[in-house]
Amino acid sequence: EVLFKGKSVFKGYTKYNGVECAVIESKATVDSEGNNQLMTNMDDMEASLITVQSGDVATIIFFDIKEQIPRYMKSTIVMTTDIGGVGGDYAYGDDDNDNDDEMELPMTEKIEMYLSPMK
């Protein structure tokens, strides 16, 4: 589980595909006080954990006030993880090595969604 702390700000209104939408901008940072660990295999409770060292998420939402749904959403997630000591199928390096070395892995994920009301 990785927790983020941040805030959202109403930026105004825009027309998106002919629909009046509120524009909401959100920004958050990884909560450094949290556990911030991800399991490498959600089905295996013995799985190794990956520690999220740092990260940010930025999101823009066009929210259709009349239909009460987001019409458009774009998020960018940037994180740096420590995958040191990950074993099993995720092992790296020499098999004889105990994998105690740390390896930082920067990751960026962009998510873009276009939505419409169900009729």
N, C-alpha and C. Protein backbone atom coordinates (compact mmCIF):
# COMPACT_ATOMS: atom_id res chain seq x y z
N GLU A 1 0.84 -1.17 0.00
CA GLU A 1 0.00 0.00 0.00
C GLU A 1 0.90 1.24 0.00
N VAL A 2 0.60 2.15 -0.89
CA VAL A 2 1.34 3.40 -0.98
C VAL A 2 0.36 4.55 -0.78
N LEU A 3 0.64 5.40 0.18
CA LEU A 3 -0.24 6.53 0.47
C LEU A 3 0.36 7.82 -0.06
N PHE A 4 -0.51 8.66 -0.62
CA PHE A 4 -0.11 9.96 -1.14
C PHE A 4 -0.81 11.04 -0.32
N LYS A 5 -0.15 12.19 -0.16
CA LYS A 5 -0.75 13.37 0.46
C LYS A 5 -0.70 14.50 -0.56
N GLY A 6 -1.81 15.21 -0.68
CA GLY A 6 -1.83 16.30 -1.64
C GLY A 6 -3.11 17.10 -1.55
N LYS A 7 -3.38 17.84 -2.62
CA LYS A 7 -4.59 18.66 -2.63
C LYS A 7 -5.11 18.80 -4.05
N SER A 8 -6.38 19.15 -4.13
CA SER A 8 -7.04 19.43 -5.40
C SER A 8 -7.49 20.87 -5.41
N VAL A 9 -7.45 21.48 -6.59
CA VAL A 9 -7.81 22.89 -6.74
C VAL A 9 -8.75 23.04 -7.93
N PHE A 10 -9.85 23.74 -7.71
CA PHE A 10 -10.77 24.10 -8.79
C PHE A 10 -10.11 25.19 -9.62
N LYS A 11 -9.97 24.96 -10.94
CA LYS A 11 -9.27 25.91 -11.81
C LYS A 11 -10.21 26.75 -12.68
N GLY A 12 -11.49 26.38 -12.74
CA GLY A 12 -12.43 27.12 -13.58
C GLY A 12 -13.29 26.17 -14.39
N TYR A 13 -13.81 26.67 -15.51
CA TYR A 13 -14.68 25.87 -16.36
C TYR A 13 -14.13 25.83 -17.78
N THR A 14 -14.48 24.76 -18.50
CA THR A 14 -14.12 24.65 -19.91
C THR A 14 -15.19 23.83 -20.62
N LYS A 15 -15.28 24.00 -21.93
CA LYS A 15 -16.15 23.15 -22.74
C LYS A 15 -15.31 22.00 -23.25
N TYR A 16 -15.76 20.77 -22.97
CA TYR A 16 -15.07 19.57 -23.45
C TYR A 16 -16.07 18.75 -24.25
N ASN A 17 -15.81 18.58 -25.53
CA ASN A 17 -16.73 17.88 -26.44
C ASN A 17 -18.14 18.46 -26.35
N GLY A 18 -18.23 19.78 -26.23
CA GLY A 18 -19.52 20.45 -26.19
C GLY A 18 -20.20 20.43 -24.83
N VAL A 19 -19.53 19.93 -23.82
CA VAL A 19 -20.11 19.82 -22.48
C VAL A 19 -19.38 20.76 -21.53
N GLU A 20 -20.15 21.53 -20.75
CA GLU A 20 -19.56 22.43 -19.76
C GLU A 20 -19.00 21.59 -18.60
N CYS A 21 -17.69 21.74 -18.33
CA CYS A 21 -17.03 20.94 -17.30
C CYS A 21 -16.24 21.82 -16.34
N ALA A 22 -16.23 21.41 -15.09
CA ALA A 22 -15.35 22.03 -14.10
C ALA A 22 -13.96 21.42 -14.29
N VAL A 23 -12.94 22.25 -14.20
CA VAL A 23 -11.56 21.78 -14.33
C VAL A 23 -10.96 21.69 -12.92
N ILE A 24 -10.50 20.48 -12.57
CA ILE A 24 -9.93 20.24 -11.25
C ILE A 24 -8.51 19.71 -11.45
N GLU A 25 -7.58 20.33 -10.74
CA GLU A 25 -6.17 19.90 -10.81
C GLU A 25 -5.77 19.35 -9.44
N SER A 26 -5.16 18.18 -9.44
CA SER A 26 -4.72 17.55 -8.19
C SER A 26 -3.23 17.24 -8.26
N LYS A 27 -2.55 17.44 -7.15
CA LYS A 27 -1.14 17.10 -7.03
C LYS A 27 -0.92 16.45 -5.67
N ALA A 28 -0.11 15.39 -5.65
CA ALA A 28 0.17 14.70 -4.39
C ALA A 28 1.57 14.11 -4.43
N THR A 29 2.11 13.86 -3.24
CA THR A 29 3.44 13.30 -3.07
C THR A 29 3.33 12.08 -2.15
N VAL A 30 4.20 11.10 -2.36
CA VAL A 30 4.21 9.92 -1.49
C VAL A 30 4.38 10.36 -0.04
N ASP A 31 3.53 9.83 0.82
CA ASP A 31 3.59 10.12 2.24
C ASP A 31 4.78 9.37 2.84
N SER A 32 5.83 10.08 3.19
CA SER A 32 7.06 9.45 3.67
C SER A 32 6.89 8.80 5.04
N GLU A 33 5.80 9.08 5.72
CA GLU A 33 5.55 8.48 7.03
C GLU A 33 4.86 7.13 6.92
N GLY A 34 4.42 6.75 5.72
CA GLY A 34 3.70 5.50 5.54
C GLY A 34 4.62 4.32 5.29
N ASN A 35 4.03 3.15 5.14
CA ASN A 35 4.75 1.91 4.88
C ASN A 35 5.34 1.90 3.47
N ASN A 36 4.55 2.31 2.50
CA ASN A 36 4.96 2.48 1.10
C ASN A 36 5.64 1.26 0.51
N GLN A 37 4.99 0.12 0.64
CA GLN A 37 5.54 -1.11 0.07
C GLN A 37 4.50 -1.76 -0.84
N LEU A 38 4.99 -2.33 -1.94
CA LEU A 38 4.17 -3.06 -2.89
C LEU A 38 4.63 -4.50 -2.91
N MET A 39 3.67 -5.45 -2.97
CA MET A 39 4.05 -6.86 -3.09
C MET A 39 4.34 -7.18 -4.55
N THR A 40 5.32 -8.06 -4.79
CA THR A 40 5.66 -8.45 -6.15
C THR A 40 4.66 -9.45 -6.71
N ASN A 41 3.90 -10.11 -5.84
CA ASN A 41 2.90 -11.08 -6.28
C ASN A 41 1.73 -11.00 -5.31
N MET A 42 0.63 -10.43 -5.74
CA MET A 42 -0.51 -10.21 -4.86
C MET A 42 -1.15 -11.52 -4.38
N ASP A 43 -0.93 -12.64 -5.11
CA ASP A 43 -1.52 -13.92 -4.73
C ASP A 43 -0.68 -14.67 -3.70
N ASP A 44 0.54 -14.20 -3.47
CA ASP A 44 1.48 -14.91 -2.61
C ASP A 44 1.83 -14.04 -1.42
N MET A 45 1.31 -14.38 -0.25
CA MET A 45 1.55 -13.57 0.94
C MET A 45 3.02 -13.62 1.38
N GLU A 46 3.79 -14.57 0.85
CA GLU A 46 5.21 -14.67 1.16
C GLU A 46 6.05 -13.88 0.15
N ALA A 47 5.40 -13.18 -0.74
CA ALA A 47 6.11 -12.48 -1.82
C ALA A 47 7.02 -11.38 -1.27
N SER A 48 8.01 -11.05 -2.07
CA SER A 48 8.92 -9.96 -1.72
C SER A 48 8.19 -8.63 -1.82
N LEU A 49 8.72 -7.65 -1.10
CA LEU A 49 8.14 -6.31 -1.14
C LEU A 49 9.07 -5.36 -1.86
N ILE A 50 8.48 -4.44 -2.60
CA ILE A 50 9.22 -3.37 -3.25
C ILE A 50 8.89 -2.09 -2.48
N THR A 51 9.91 -1.35 -2.07
CA THR A 51 9.70 -0.13 -1.31
C THR A 51 9.68 1.07 -2.24
N VAL A 52 8.64 1.89 -2.12
CA VAL A 52 8.56 3.14 -2.88
C VAL A 52 9.29 4.20 -2.07
N GLN A 53 10.40 4.70 -2.64
CA GLN A 53 11.21 5.70 -1.93
C GLN A 53 10.64 7.10 -2.05
N SER A 54 10.16 7.43 -3.25
CA SER A 54 9.61 8.76 -3.47
C SER A 54 8.65 8.69 -4.65
N GLY A 55 7.80 9.70 -4.77
CA GLY A 55 6.88 9.71 -5.90
C GLY A 55 5.93 10.88 -5.85
N ASP A 56 5.40 11.17 -7.03
CA ASP A 56 4.43 12.25 -7.21
C ASP A 56 3.35 11.79 -8.17
N VAL A 57 2.17 12.34 -8.00
CA VAL A 57 1.09 12.12 -8.96
C VAL A 57 0.45 13.48 -9.25
N ALA A 58 0.23 13.73 -10.53
CA ALA A 58 -0.44 14.96 -10.98
C ALA A 58 -1.61 14.55 -11.86
N THR A 59 -2.80 15.13 -11.58
CA THR A 59 -4.01 14.76 -12.30
C THR A 59 -4.79 16.00 -12.71
N ILE A 60 -5.36 15.94 -13.89
CA ILE A 60 -6.28 16.98 -14.35
C ILE A 60 -7.59 16.28 -14.69
N ILE A 61 -8.70 16.84 -14.22
CA ILE A 61 -10.02 16.24 -14.44
C ILE A 61 -10.95 17.29 -15.02
N PHE A 62 -11.68 16.91 -16.08
CA PHE A 62 -12.79 17.72 -16.58
C PHE A 62 -14.05 17.03 -16.09
N PHE A 63 -14.75 17.67 -15.13
CA PHE A 63 -15.89 17.06 -14.46
C PHE A 63 -17.19 17.65 -14.97
N ASP A 64 -18.03 16.78 -15.55
CA ASP A 64 -19.35 17.16 -16.07
C ASP A 64 -20.29 17.34 -14.88
N ILE A 65 -20.65 18.59 -14.60
CA ILE A 65 -21.46 18.89 -13.43
C ILE A 65 -22.88 18.35 -13.59
N LYS A 66 -23.46 18.48 -14.79
CA LYS A 66 -24.83 18.03 -15.01
C LYS A 66 -24.95 16.51 -14.82
N GLU A 67 -24.05 15.74 -15.43
CA GLU A 67 -24.12 14.28 -15.34
C GLU A 67 -23.43 13.73 -14.10
N GLN A 68 -22.67 14.58 -13.40
CA GLN A 68 -21.94 14.19 -12.18
C GLN A 68 -20.94 13.05 -12.43
N ILE A 69 -20.19 13.19 -13.55
CA ILE A 69 -19.13 12.22 -13.86
C ILE A 69 -17.92 12.96 -14.41
N PRO A 70 -16.75 12.38 -14.26
CA PRO A 70 -15.60 12.94 -14.97
C PRO A 70 -15.73 12.60 -16.45
N ARG A 71 -15.50 13.56 -17.33
CA ARG A 71 -15.54 13.31 -18.77
C ARG A 71 -14.14 12.98 -19.30
N TYR A 72 -13.15 13.56 -18.65
CA TYR A 72 -11.76 13.36 -19.07
C TYR A 72 -10.88 13.39 -17.83
N MET A 73 -9.86 12.51 -17.82
CA MET A 73 -8.92 12.47 -16.71
C MET A 73 -7.56 12.05 -17.25
N LYS A 74 -6.54 12.80 -16.83
CA LYS A 74 -5.17 12.44 -17.20
C LYS A 74 -4.31 12.51 -15.95
N SER A 75 -3.63 11.40 -15.62
CA SER A 75 -2.75 11.33 -14.47
C SER A 75 -1.35 10.94 -14.91
N THR A 76 -0.37 11.54 -14.27
CA THR A 76 1.03 11.15 -14.45
C THR A 76 1.56 10.77 -13.09
N ILE A 77 2.04 9.53 -12.99
CA ILE A 77 2.59 9.02 -11.73
C ILE A 77 4.08 8.78 -11.93
N VAL A 78 4.89 9.38 -11.09
CA VAL A 78 6.35 9.22 -11.15
C VAL A 78 6.80 8.70 -9.78
N MET A 79 7.47 7.54 -9.78
CA MET A 79 7.93 6.96 -8.52
C MET A 79 9.34 6.40 -8.68
N THR A 80 10.07 6.38 -7.58
CA THR A 80 11.36 5.70 -7.52
C THR A 80 11.22 4.60 -6.48
N THR A 81 11.55 3.37 -6.88
CA THR A 81 11.42 2.24 -5.98
C THR A 81 12.77 1.61 -5.70
N ASP A 82 12.85 0.90 -4.60
CA ASP A 82 14.04 0.13 -4.23
C ASP A 82 13.67 -1.33 -4.39
N ILE A 83 14.30 -1.99 -5.36
CA ILE A 83 14.00 -3.40 -5.57
C ILE A 83 15.14 -4.28 -5.10
N GLY A 84 15.94 -3.77 -4.18
CA GLY A 84 17.03 -4.56 -3.62
C GLY A 84 16.53 -5.76 -2.86
N GLY A 85 17.15 -6.89 -3.08
CA GLY A 85 16.81 -8.10 -2.34
C GLY A 85 15.56 -8.79 -2.82
N VAL A 86 15.01 -8.40 -3.96
CA VAL A 86 13.83 -9.07 -4.49
C VAL A 86 14.26 -10.43 -5.03
N GLY A 87 13.60 -11.46 -4.60
CA GLY A 87 14.01 -12.81 -5.01
C GLY A 87 13.02 -13.46 -5.93
N GLY A 88 13.09 -14.78 -6.02
CA GLY A 88 12.17 -15.56 -6.85
C GLY A 88 12.30 -15.21 -8.32
N ASP A 89 11.17 -15.11 -9.00
CA ASP A 89 11.16 -14.78 -10.43
C ASP A 89 11.71 -13.40 -10.70
N TYR A 90 11.82 -12.57 -9.65
CA TYR A 90 12.25 -11.20 -9.83
C TYR A 90 13.71 -10.98 -9.45
N ALA A 91 14.44 -12.07 -9.17
CA ALA A 91 15.83 -11.96 -8.76
C ALA A 91 16.67 -11.36 -9.89
N TYR A 92 17.69 -10.65 -9.51
CA TYR A 92 18.62 -10.10 -10.48
C TYR A 92 20.03 -10.39 -10.00
N GLY A 93 20.98 -10.31 -10.91
CA GLY A 93 22.37 -10.53 -10.54
C GLY A 93 22.71 -12.00 -10.49
N ASP A 94 23.80 -12.32 -9.81
CA ASP A 94 24.32 -13.66 -9.66
C ASP A 94 23.41 -14.50 -8.78
N ASP A 95 23.18 -15.76 -9.17
CA ASP A 95 22.38 -16.65 -8.32
C ASP A 95 23.06 -16.90 -6.99
N ASP A 96 24.40 -16.83 -6.96
CA ASP A 96 25.15 -17.05 -5.73
C ASP A 96 25.09 -15.84 -4.81
N ASN A 97 24.72 -14.69 -5.37
CA ASN A 97 24.65 -13.46 -4.60
C ASN A 97 23.40 -13.51 -3.73
N ASP A 98 23.46 -12.94 -2.53
CA ASP A 98 22.29 -12.94 -1.65
C ASP A 98 21.34 -11.78 -1.94
N ASN A 99 21.60 -11.04 -3.00
CA ASN A 99 20.73 -9.94 -3.46
C ASN A 99 20.51 -8.86 -2.42
N ASP A 100 21.53 -8.61 -1.59
CA ASP A 100 21.41 -7.55 -0.60
C ASP A 100 21.67 -6.17 -1.19
N ASP A 101 22.21 -6.10 -2.41
CA ASP A 101 22.48 -4.82 -3.04
C ASP A 101 21.17 -4.13 -3.37
N GLU A 102 21.16 -2.82 -3.19
CA GLU A 102 19.96 -2.06 -3.55
C GLU A 102 20.01 -1.70 -5.02
N MET A 103 18.85 -1.68 -5.62
CA MET A 103 18.73 -1.24 -7.00
C MET A 103 17.53 -0.31 -7.08
N GLU A 104 17.77 0.95 -7.46
CA GLU A 104 16.70 1.91 -7.60
C GLU A 104 16.13 1.82 -9.00
N LEU A 105 14.82 1.84 -9.09
CA LEU A 105 14.14 1.76 -10.37
C LEU A 105 13.16 2.92 -10.49
N PRO A 106 13.48 3.90 -11.36
CA PRO A 106 12.53 5.00 -11.59
C PRO A 106 11.41 4.53 -12.53
N MET A 107 10.19 4.95 -12.25
CA MET A 107 9.05 4.55 -13.08
C MET A 107 8.17 5.75 -13.35
N THR A 108 7.64 5.81 -14.55
CA THR A 108 6.65 6.83 -14.91
C THR A 108 5.48 6.13 -15.59
N GLU A 109 4.27 6.45 -15.15
CA GLU A 109 3.07 5.88 -15.75
C GLU A 109 2.11 7.01 -16.06
N LYS A 110 1.60 7.01 -17.29
CA LYS A 110 0.61 8.01 -17.69
C LYS A 110 -0.70 7.29 -17.96
N ILE A 111 -1.76 7.82 -17.37
CA ILE A 111 -3.09 7.24 -17.54
C ILE A 111 -4.00 8.33 -18.08
N GLU A 112 -4.67 8.03 -19.18
CA GLU A 112 -5.58 9.00 -19.79
C GLU A 112 -6.91 8.28 -20.04
N MET A 113 -8.01 8.87 -19.56
CA MET A 113 -9.32 8.24 -19.72
C MET A 113 -10.31 9.24 -20.31
N TYR A 114 -11.14 8.72 -21.21
CA TYR A 114 -12.22 9.49 -21.81
C TYR A 114 -13.51 8.78 -21.43
N LEU A 115 -14.45 9.49 -20.79
CA LEU A 115 -15.65 8.85 -20.28
C LEU A 115 -16.91 9.54 -20.79
N SER A 116 -18.00 8.77 -20.82
CA SER A 116 -19.30 9.34 -21.18
C SER A 116 -20.36 8.64 -20.33
N PRO A 117 -21.50 9.29 -20.14
CA PRO A 117 -22.55 8.66 -19.32
C PRO A 117 -23.11 7.42 -20.00
N MET A 118 -23.50 6.44 -19.20
CA MET A 118 -24.14 5.24 -19.73
C MET A 118 -25.61 5.57 -20.01
N LYS A 119 -26.07 5.17 -21.15
CA LYS A 119 -27.47 5.44 -21.53
C LYS A 119 -28.29 4.17 -21.46
